[in-house]
Amino acid sequence: ASSSMANRLAAACGGLRTPALVEAAQPLPLTTREREIANLVASGLSNKQIAARLTVSVRTVEGHIYRACTKLDVTDRDGIADLILRER
């Protein structure tokens, strides 16, 4: 939602692309695996359920969630879920 708004703002400003608009137009800055796990978090799965589904360890899932939290500047799974659900 915010990326489409950033693109509309840029178009309304004659195509002006400030660093803030460029950043806002980008999708969430996650790797493919981080995004996959973030989507599963947003679906309500526990770390153990995610690990079983993806055939990885719970510790691996925790690492991906930690890095996603850092990249998205949120503190917990709920923050990840909120951002993912807003992006959909």
PDB file of N, CA and C in Angstrom:
ATOM      1  N   ALA A   1       0.820  -1.184   0.000  1.00  0.00           N
ATOM      2  CA  ALA A   1       0.000   0.000   0.000  1.00  0.00           C
ATOM      3  C   ALA A   1       0.862   1.244   0.000  1.00  0.00           C
ATOM      4  N   SER A   2       1.864   1.311   0.891  1.00  0.00           N
ATOM      5  CA  SER A   2       2.701   2.508   0.954  1.00  0.00           C
ATOM      6  C   SER A   2       3.562   2.656  -0.288  1.00  0.00           C
ATOM      7  N   SER A   3       3.960   1.522  -0.916  1.00  0.00           N
ATOM      8  CA  SER A   3       4.767   1.633  -2.127  1.00  0.00           C
ATOM      9  C   SER A   3       3.951   2.220  -3.270  1.00  0.00           C
ATOM     10  N   SER A   4       2.681   1.847  -3.387  1.00  0.00           N
ATOM     11  CA  SER A   4       1.863   2.418  -4.453  1.00  0.00           C
ATOM     12  C   SER A   4       1.596   3.894  -4.183  1.00  0.00           C
ATOM     13  N   MET A   5       1.435   4.276  -2.921  1.00  0.00           N
ATOM     14  CA  MET A   5       1.242   5.684  -2.588  1.00  0.00           C
ATOM     15  C   MET A   5       2.502   6.481  -2.921  1.00  0.00           C
ATOM     16  N   ALA A   6       3.665   5.924  -2.620  1.00  0.00           N
ATOM     17  CA  ALA A   6       4.924   6.608  -2.934  1.00  0.00           C
ATOM     18  C   ALA A   6       5.056   6.802  -4.438  1.00  0.00           C
ATOM     19  N   ASN A   7       4.668   5.800  -5.207  1.00  0.00           N
ATOM     20  CA  ASN A   7       4.729   5.926  -6.665  1.00  0.00           C
ATOM     21  C   ASN A   7       3.752   6.984  -7.167  1.00  0.00           C
ATOM     22  N   ARG A   8       2.557   7.058  -6.570  1.00  0.00           N
ATOM     23  CA  ARG A   8       1.584   8.086  -6.976  1.00  0.00           C
ATOM     24  C   ARG A   8       2.098   9.478  -6.628  1.00  0.00           C
ATOM     25  N   LEU A   9       2.706   9.616  -5.449  1.00  0.00           N
ATOM     26  CA  LEU A   9       3.269  10.914  -5.060  1.00  0.00           C
ATOM     27  C   LEU A   9       4.375  11.338  -6.019  1.00  0.00           C
ATOM     28  N   ALA A  10       5.229  10.410  -6.383  1.00  0.00           N
ATOM     29  CA  ALA A  10       6.309  10.727  -7.316  1.00  0.00           C
ATOM     30  C   ALA A  10       5.737  11.168  -8.656  1.00  0.00           C
ATOM     31  N   ALA A  11       4.700  10.477  -9.128  1.00  0.00           N
ATOM     32  CA  ALA A  11       4.081  10.847 -10.402  1.00  0.00           C
ATOM     33  C   ALA A  11       3.433  12.221 -10.306  1.00  0.00           C
ATOM     34  N   ALA A  12       2.789  12.510  -9.173  1.00  0.00           N
ATOM     35  CA  ALA A  12       2.141  13.809  -8.987  1.00  0.00           C
ATOM     36  C   ALA A  12       3.155  14.945  -8.925  1.00  0.00           C
ATOM     37  N   CYS A  13       4.381  14.620  -8.579  1.00  0.00           N
ATOM     38  CA  CYS A  13       5.448  15.632  -8.491  1.00  0.00           C
ATOM     39  C   CYS A  13       6.303  15.643  -9.749  1.00  0.00           C
ATOM     40  N   GLY A  14       5.723  15.232 -10.851  1.00  0.00           N
ATOM     41  CA  GLY A  14       6.453  15.253 -12.117  1.00  0.00           C
ATOM     42  C   GLY A  14       7.570  14.228 -12.189  1.00  0.00           C
ATOM     43  N   GLY A  15       7.418  13.107 -11.494  1.00  0.00           N
ATOM     44  CA  GLY A  15       8.418  12.051 -11.540  1.00  0.00           C
ATOM     45  C   GLY A  15       9.577  12.252 -10.584  1.00  0.00           C
ATOM     46  N   LEU A  16       9.483  13.246  -9.717  1.00  0.00           N
ATOM     47  CA  LEU A  16      10.540  13.510  -8.741  1.00  0.00           C
ATOM     48  C   LEU A  16      10.789  12.270  -7.895  1.00  0.00           C
ATOM     49  N   ARG A  17      12.052  11.908  -7.732  1.00  0.00           N
ATOM     50  CA  ARG A  17      12.394  10.722  -6.947  1.00  0.00           C
ATOM     51  C   ARG A  17      13.374  11.099  -5.845  1.00  0.00           C
ATOM     52  N   THR A  18      12.866  11.463  -4.705  1.00  0.00           N
ATOM     53  CA  THR A  18      13.736  11.750  -3.567  1.00  0.00           C
ATOM     54  C   THR A  18      14.155  10.422  -2.937  1.00  0.00           C
ATOM     55  N   PRO A  19      15.235  10.413  -2.169  1.00  0.00           N
ATOM     56  CA  PRO A  19      15.623   9.161  -1.504  1.00  0.00           C
ATOM     57  C   PRO A  19      14.495   8.570  -0.654  1.00  0.00           C
ATOM     58  N   ALA A  20      13.732   9.414   0.013  1.00  0.00           N
ATOM     59  CA  ALA A  20      12.627   8.917   0.841  1.00  0.00           C
ATOM     60  C   ALA A  20      11.551   8.250  -0.013  1.00  0.00           C
ATOM     61  N   LEU A  21      11.234   8.835  -1.172  1.00  0.00           N
ATOM     62  CA  LEU A  21      10.234   8.224  -2.058  1.00  0.00           C
ATOM     63  C   LEU A  21      10.748   6.922  -2.647  1.00  0.00           C
ATOM     64  N   VAL A  22      12.020   6.887  -3.003  1.00  0.00           N
ATOM     65  CA  VAL A  22      12.600   5.655  -3.552  1.00  0.00           C
ATOM     66  C   VAL A  22      12.529   4.548  -2.506  1.00  0.00           C
ATOM     67  N   GLU A  23      12.899   4.864  -1.266  1.00  0.00           N
ATOM     68  CA  GLU A  23      12.856   3.861  -0.199  1.00  0.00           C
ATOM     69  C   GLU A  23      11.430   3.412   0.075  1.00  0.00           C
ATOM     70  N   ALA A  24      10.492   4.353   0.088  1.00  0.00           N
ATOM     71  CA  ALA A  24       9.092   4.014   0.362  1.00  0.00           C
ATOM     72  C   ALA A  24       8.487   3.161  -0.742  1.00  0.00           C
ATOM     73  N   ALA A  25       8.997   3.299  -1.961  1.00  0.00           N
ATOM     74  CA  ALA A  25       8.457   2.544  -3.086  1.00  0.00           C
ATOM     75  C   ALA A  25       8.949   1.099  -3.105  1.00  0.00           C
ATOM     76  N   GLN A  26       9.974   0.803  -2.329  1.00  0.00           N
ATOM     77  CA  GLN A  26      10.521  -0.550  -2.301  1.00  0.00           C
ATOM     78  C   GLN A  26       9.655  -1.446  -1.426  1.00  0.00           C
ATOM     79  N   PRO A  27       9.534  -2.709  -1.812  1.00  0.00           N
ATOM     80  CA  PRO A  27       8.839  -3.632  -0.915  1.00  0.00           C
ATOM     81  C   PRO A  27       9.686  -3.853   0.341  1.00  0.00           C
ATOM     82  N   LEU A  28       9.138  -4.527   1.317  1.00  0.00           N
ATOM     83  CA  LEU A  28       9.882  -4.775   2.552  1.00  0.00           C
ATOM     84  C   LEU A  28      11.230  -5.418   2.231  1.00  0.00           C
ATOM     85  N   PRO A  29      12.322  -4.952   2.868  1.00  0.00           N
ATOM     86  CA  PRO A  29      13.688  -5.359   2.507  1.00  0.00           C
ATOM     87  C   PRO A  29      14.103  -6.710   3.083  1.00  0.00           C
ATOM     88  N   LEU A  30      13.375  -7.746   2.769  1.00  0.00           N
ATOM     89  CA  LEU A  30      13.667  -9.067   3.310  1.00  0.00           C
ATOM     90  C   LEU A  30      14.176  -9.999   2.227  1.00  0.00           C
ATOM     91  N   THR A  31      14.994 -10.972   2.637  1.00  0.00           N
ATOM     92  CA  THR A  31      15.390 -12.016   1.699  1.00  0.00           C
ATOM     93  C   THR A  31      14.165 -12.879   1.405  1.00  0.00           C
ATOM     94  N   THR A  32      14.283 -13.722   0.406  1.00  0.00           N
ATOM     95  CA  THR A  32      13.172 -14.605   0.055  1.00  0.00           C
ATOM     96  C   THR A  32      12.775 -15.478   1.240  1.00  0.00           C
ATOM     97  N   ARG A  33      13.760 -16.041   1.933  1.00  0.00           N
ATOM     98  CA  ARG A  33      13.470 -16.927   3.068  1.00  0.00           C
ATOM     99  C   ARG A  33      12.892 -16.145   4.251  1.00  0.00           C
ATOM    100  N   GLU A  34      13.428 -14.950   4.516  1.00  0.00           N
ATOM    101  CA  GLU A  34      12.874 -14.120   5.588  1.00  0.00           C
ATOM    102  C   GLU A  34      11.424 -13.764   5.297  1.00  0.00           C
ATOM    103  N   ARG A  35      11.137 -13.440   4.042  1.00  0.00           N
ATOM    104  CA  ARG A  35       9.762 -13.098   3.653  1.00  0.00           C
ATOM    105  C   ARG A  35       8.849 -14.315   3.808  1.00  0.00           C
ATOM    106  N   GLU A  36       9.344 -15.483   3.405  1.00  0.00           N
ATOM    107  CA  GLU A  36       8.557 -16.707   3.531  1.00  0.00           C
ATOM    108  C   GLU A  36       8.204 -16.958   5.003  1.00  0.00           C
ATOM    109  N   ILE A  37       9.188 -16.825   5.869  1.00  0.00           N
ATOM    110  CA  ILE A  37       8.962 -17.037   7.296  1.00  0.00           C
ATOM    111  C   ILE A  37       8.075 -15.933   7.868  1.00  0.00           C
ATOM    112  N   ALA A  38       8.279 -14.701   7.442  1.00  0.00           N
ATOM    113  CA  ALA A  38       7.438 -13.594   7.908  1.00  0.00           C
ATOM    114  C   ALA A  38       5.974 -13.830   7.533  1.00  0.00           C
ATOM    115  N   ASN A  39       5.735 -14.347   6.340  1.00  0.00           N
ATOM    116  CA  ASN A  39       4.362 -14.655   5.929  1.00  0.00           C
ATOM    117  C   ASN A  39       3.759 -15.754   6.796  1.00  0.00           C
ATOM    118  N   LEU A  40       4.570 -16.745   7.158  1.00  0.00           N
ATOM    119  CA  LEU A  40       4.078 -17.812   8.029  1.00  0.00           C
ATOM    120  C   LEU A  40       3.817 -17.285   9.441  1.00  0.00           C
ATOM    121  N   VAL A  41       4.666 -16.375   9.910  1.00  0.00           N
ATOM    122  CA  VAL A  41       4.427 -15.713  11.201  1.00  0.00           C
ATOM    123  C   VAL A  41       3.094 -14.969  11.140  1.00  0.00           C
ATOM    124  N   ALA A  42       2.876 -14.226  10.054  1.00  0.00           N
ATOM    125  CA  ALA A  42       1.635 -13.462   9.897  1.00  0.00           C
ATOM    126  C   ALA A  42       0.416 -14.377   9.808  1.00  0.00           C
ATOM    127  N   SER A  43       0.636 -15.618   9.373  1.00  0.00           N
ATOM    128  CA  SER A  43      -0.459 -16.589   9.308  1.00  0.00           C
ATOM    129  C   SER A  43      -0.753 -17.219  10.659  1.00  0.00           C
ATOM    130  N   GLY A  44       0.072 -16.894  11.660  1.00  0.00           N
ATOM    131  CA  GLY A  44      -0.189 -17.372  13.008  1.00  0.00           C
ATOM    132  C   GLY A  44       0.555 -18.629  13.417  1.00  0.00           C
ATOM    133  N   LEU A  45       1.487 -19.113  12.582  1.00  0.00           N
ATOM    134  CA  LEU A  45       2.226 -20.316  12.929  1.00  0.00           C
ATOM    135  C   LEU A  45       3.295 -20.021  13.981  1.00  0.00           C
ATOM    136  N   SER A  46       3.548 -20.995  14.837  1.00  0.00           N
ATOM    137  CA  SER A  46       4.610 -20.878  15.841  1.00  0.00           C
ATOM    138  C   SER A  46       5.957 -21.171  15.179  1.00  0.00           C
ATOM    139  N   ASN A  47       7.039 -20.856  15.878  1.00  0.00           N
ATOM    140  CA  ASN A  47       8.372 -21.160  15.349  1.00  0.00           C
ATOM    141  C   ASN A  47       8.520 -22.655  15.085  1.00  0.00           C
ATOM    142  N   LYS A  48       8.009 -23.472  15.993  1.00  0.00           N
ATOM    143  CA  LYS A  48       8.095 -24.924  15.835  1.00  0.00           C
ATOM    144  C   LYS A  48       7.315 -25.388  14.599  1.00  0.00           C
ATOM    145  N   GLN A  49       6.136 -24.830  14.383  1.00  0.00           N
ATOM    146  CA  GLN A  49       5.334 -25.192  13.207  1.00  0.00           C
ATOM    147  C   GLN A  49       6.023 -24.752  11.918  1.00  0.00           C
ATOM    148  N   ILE A  50       6.605 -23.560  11.934  1.00  0.00           N
ATOM    149  CA  ILE A  50       7.321 -23.061  10.755  1.00  0.00           C
ATOM    150  C   ILE A  50       8.512 -23.962  10.462  1.00  0.00           C
ATOM    151  N   ALA A  51       9.268 -24.318  11.496  1.00  0.00           N
ATOM    152  CA  ALA A  51      10.435 -25.185  11.323  1.00  0.00           C
ATOM    153  C   ALA A  51      10.030 -26.526  10.715  1.00  0.00           C
ATOM    154  N   ALA A  52       8.949 -27.111  11.206  1.00  0.00           N
ATOM    155  CA  ALA A  52       8.485 -28.395  10.681  1.00  0.00           C
ATOM    156  C   ALA A  52       8.052 -28.266   9.226  1.00  0.00           C
ATOM    157  N   ARG A  53       7.353 -27.196   8.907  1.00  0.00           N
ATOM    158  CA  ARG A  53       6.871 -26.999   7.537  1.00  0.00           C
ATOM    159  C   ARG A  53       8.023 -26.819   6.553  1.00  0.00           C
ATOM    160  N   LEU A  54       9.066 -26.101   6.974  1.00  0.00           N
ATOM    161  CA  LEU A  54      10.184 -25.796   6.074  1.00  0.00           C
ATOM    162  C   LEU A  54      11.354 -26.763   6.232  1.00  0.00           C
ATOM    163  N   THR A  55      11.204 -27.743   7.086  1.00  0.00           N
ATOM    164  CA  THR A  55      12.253 -28.717   7.403  1.00  0.00           C
ATOM    165  C   THR A  55      13.590 -28.054   7.739  1.00  0.00           C
ATOM    166  N   VAL A  56      13.519 -27.131   8.686  1.00  0.00           N
ATOM    167  CA  VAL A  56      14.709 -26.481   9.238  1.00  0.00           C
ATOM    168  C   VAL A  56      14.576 -26.533  10.758  1.00  0.00           C
ATOM    169  N   SER A  57      15.631 -26.150  11.459  1.00  0.00           N
ATOM    170  CA  SER A  57      15.566 -26.155  12.923  1.00  0.00           C
ATOM    171  C   SER A  57      14.798 -24.935  13.432  1.00  0.00           C
ATOM    172  N   VAL A  58      14.305 -25.054  14.644  1.00  0.00           N
ATOM    173  CA  VAL A  58      13.632 -23.924  15.286  1.00  0.00           C
ATOM    174  C   VAL A  58      14.618 -22.767  15.415  1.00  0.00           C
ATOM    175  N   ARG A  59      15.877 -23.085  15.712  1.00  0.00           N
ATOM    176  CA  ARG A  59      16.911 -22.046  15.846  1.00  0.00           C
ATOM    177  C   ARG A  59      17.088 -21.276  14.537  1.00  0.00           C
ATOM    178  N   THR A  60      17.019 -21.959  13.407  1.00  0.00           N
ATOM    179  CA  THR A  60      17.119 -21.290  12.104  1.00  0.00           C
ATOM    180  C   THR A  60      15.949 -20.333  11.910  1.00  0.00           C
ATOM    181  N   VAL A  61      14.763 -20.770  12.255  1.00  0.00           N
ATOM    182  CA  VAL A  61      13.577 -19.909  12.163  1.00  0.00           C
ATOM    183  C   VAL A  61      13.759 -18.686  13.055  1.00  0.00           C
ATOM    184  N   GLU A  62      14.227 -18.905  14.278  1.00  0.00           N
ATOM    185  CA  GLU A  62      14.455 -17.786  15.200  1.00  0.00           C
ATOM    186  C   GLU A  62      15.444 -16.777  14.619  1.00  0.00           C
ATOM    187  N   GLY A  63      16.486 -17.282  13.959  1.00  0.00           N
ATOM    188  CA  GLY A  63      17.472 -16.393  13.341  1.00  0.00           C
ATOM    189  C   GLY A  63      16.865 -15.550  12.238  1.00  0.00           C
ATOM    190  N   HIS A  64      16.047 -16.171  11.401  1.00  0.00           N
ATOM    191  CA  HIS A  64      15.391 -15.424  10.319  1.00  0.00           C
ATOM    192  C   HIS A  64      14.432 -14.377  10.888  1.00  0.00           C
ATOM    193  N   ILE A  65      13.713 -14.743  11.932  1.00  0.00           N
ATOM    194  CA  ILE A  65      12.786 -13.792  12.553  1.00  0.00           C
ATOM    195  C   ILE A  65      13.562 -12.633  13.176  1.00  0.00           C
ATOM    196  N   TYR A  66      14.666 -12.941  13.836  1.00  0.00           N
ATOM    197  CA  TYR A  66      15.495 -11.888  14.436  1.00  0.00           C
ATOM    198  C   TYR A  66      15.983 -10.905  13.368  1.00  0.00           C
ATOM    199  N   ARG A  67      16.506 -11.440  12.257  1.00  0.00           N
ATOM    200  CA  ARG A  67      17.008 -10.564  11.185  1.00  0.00           C
ATOM    201  C   ARG A  67      15.876  -9.765  10.545  1.00  0.00           C
ATOM    202  N   ALA A  68      14.711 -10.379  10.382  1.00  0.00           N
ATOM    203  CA  ALA A  68      13.562  -9.653   9.829  1.00  0.00           C
ATOM    204  C   ALA A  68      13.155  -8.516  10.765  1.00  0.00           C
ATOM    205  N   CYS A  69      13.142  -8.777  12.064  1.00  0.00           N
ATOM    206  CA  CYS A  69      12.809  -7.721  13.036  1.00  0.00           C
ATOM    207  C   CYS A  69      13.792  -6.565  12.926  1.00  0.00           C
ATOM    208  N   THR A  70      15.069  -6.889  12.813  1.00  0.00           N
ATOM    209  CA  THR A  70      16.099  -5.855  12.696  1.00  0.00           C
ATOM    210  C   THR A  70      15.893  -5.028  11.432  1.00  0.00           C
ATOM    211  N   LYS A  71      15.686  -5.693  10.300  1.00  0.00           N
ATOM    212  CA  LYS A  71      15.511  -4.990   9.024  1.00  0.00           C
ATOM    213  C   LYS A  71      14.241  -4.147   9.001  1.00  0.00           C
ATOM    214  N   LEU A  72      13.198  -4.637   9.645  1.00  0.00           N
ATOM    215  CA  LEU A  72      11.906  -3.949   9.610  1.00  0.00           C
ATOM    216  C   LEU A  72      11.728  -2.976  10.771  1.00  0.00           C
ATOM    217  N   ASP A  73      12.717  -2.934  11.652  1.00  0.00           N
ATOM    218  CA  ASP A  73      12.692  -2.043  12.815  1.00  0.00           C
ATOM    219  C   ASP A  73      11.459  -2.294  13.689  1.00  0.00           C
ATOM    220  N   VAL A  74      11.212  -3.570  13.949  1.00  0.00           N
ATOM    221  CA  VAL A  74      10.151  -3.964  14.875  1.00  0.00           C
ATOM    222  C   VAL A  74      10.777  -4.813  15.975  1.00  0.00           C
ATOM    223  N   THR A  75      10.049  -5.010  17.061  1.00  0.00           N
ATOM    224  CA  THR A  75      10.637  -5.703  18.205  1.00  0.00           C
ATOM    225  C   THR A  75      10.181  -7.144  18.384  1.00  0.00           C
ATOM    226  N   ASP A  76       9.131  -7.551  17.661  1.00  0.00           N
ATOM    227  CA  ASP A  76       8.629  -8.900  17.894  1.00  0.00           C
ATOM    228  C   ASP A  76       7.826  -9.420  16.705  1.00  0.00           C
ATOM    229  N   ARG A  77       7.347 -10.649  16.859  1.00  0.00           N
ATOM    230  CA  ARG A  77       6.570 -11.321  15.812  1.00  0.00           C
ATOM    231  C   ARG A  77       5.320 -10.528  15.436  1.00  0.00           C
ATOM    232  N   ASP A  78       4.682  -9.914  16.431  1.00  0.00           N
ATOM    233  CA  ASP A  78       3.476  -9.130  16.146  1.00  0.00           C
ATOM    234  C   ASP A  78       3.792  -7.969  15.211  1.00  0.00           C
ATOM    235  N   GLY A  79       4.951  -7.351  15.397  1.00  0.00           N
ATOM    236  CA  GLY A  79       5.368  -6.259  14.519  1.00  0.00           C
ATOM    237  C   GLY A  79       5.579  -6.734  13.095  1.00  0.00           C
ATOM    238  N   ILE A  80       6.193  -7.907  12.947  1.00  0.00           N
ATOM    239  CA  ILE A  80       6.378  -8.492  11.611  1.00  0.00           C
ATOM    240  C   ILE A  80       5.014  -8.756  10.989  1.00  0.00           C
ATOM    241  N   ALA A  81       4.135  -9.399  11.747  1.00  0.00           N
ATOM    242  CA  ALA A  81       2.807  -9.741  11.228  1.00  0.00           C
ATOM    243  C   ALA A  81       2.047  -8.494  10.795  1.00  0.00           C
ATOM    244  N   ASP A  82       2.096  -7.443  11.605  1.00  0.00           N
ATOM    245  CA  ASP A  82       1.401  -6.200  11.257  1.00  0.00           C
ATOM    246  C   ASP A  82       1.893  -5.650   9.922  1.00  0.00           C
ATOM    247  N   LEU A  83       3.213  -5.610   9.734  1.00  0.00           N
ATOM    248  CA  LEU A  83       3.759  -5.074   8.482  1.00  0.00           C
ATOM    249  C   LEU A  83       3.397  -5.949   7.287  1.00  0.00           C
ATOM    250  N   ILE A  84       3.503  -7.251   7.445  1.00  0.00           N
ATOM    251  CA  ILE A  84       3.175  -8.170   6.350  1.00  0.00           C
ATOM    252  C   ILE A  84       1.702  -8.033   5.976  1.00  0.00           C
ATOM    253  N   LEU A  85       0.833  -7.981   6.969  1.00  0.00           N
ATOM    254  CA  LEU A  85      -0.601  -7.879   6.680  1.00  0.00           C
ATOM    255  C   LEU A  85      -0.945  -6.544   6.033  1.00  0.00           C
ATOM    256  N   ARG A  86      -0.258  -5.477   6.415  1.00  0.00           N
ATOM    257  CA  ARG A  86      -0.492  -4.168   5.778  1.00  0.00           C
ATOM    258  C   ARG A  86      -0.003  -4.160   4.338  1.00  0.00           C
ATOM    259  N   GLU A  87       1.049  -4.926   4.061  1.00  0.00           N
ATOM    260  CA  GLU A  87       1.608  -4.963   2.707  1.00  0.00           C
ATOM    261  C   GLU A  87       0.705  -5.723   1.742  1.00  0.00           C
ATOM    262  N   ARG A  88      -0.054  -6.681   2.246  1.00  0.00           N
ATOM    263  CA  ARG A  88      -0.887  -7.538   1.373  1.00  0.00           C
ATOM    264  C   ARG A  88      -1.955  -6.768   0.677  1.00  0.00           C
TER     265      ARG A  88
END
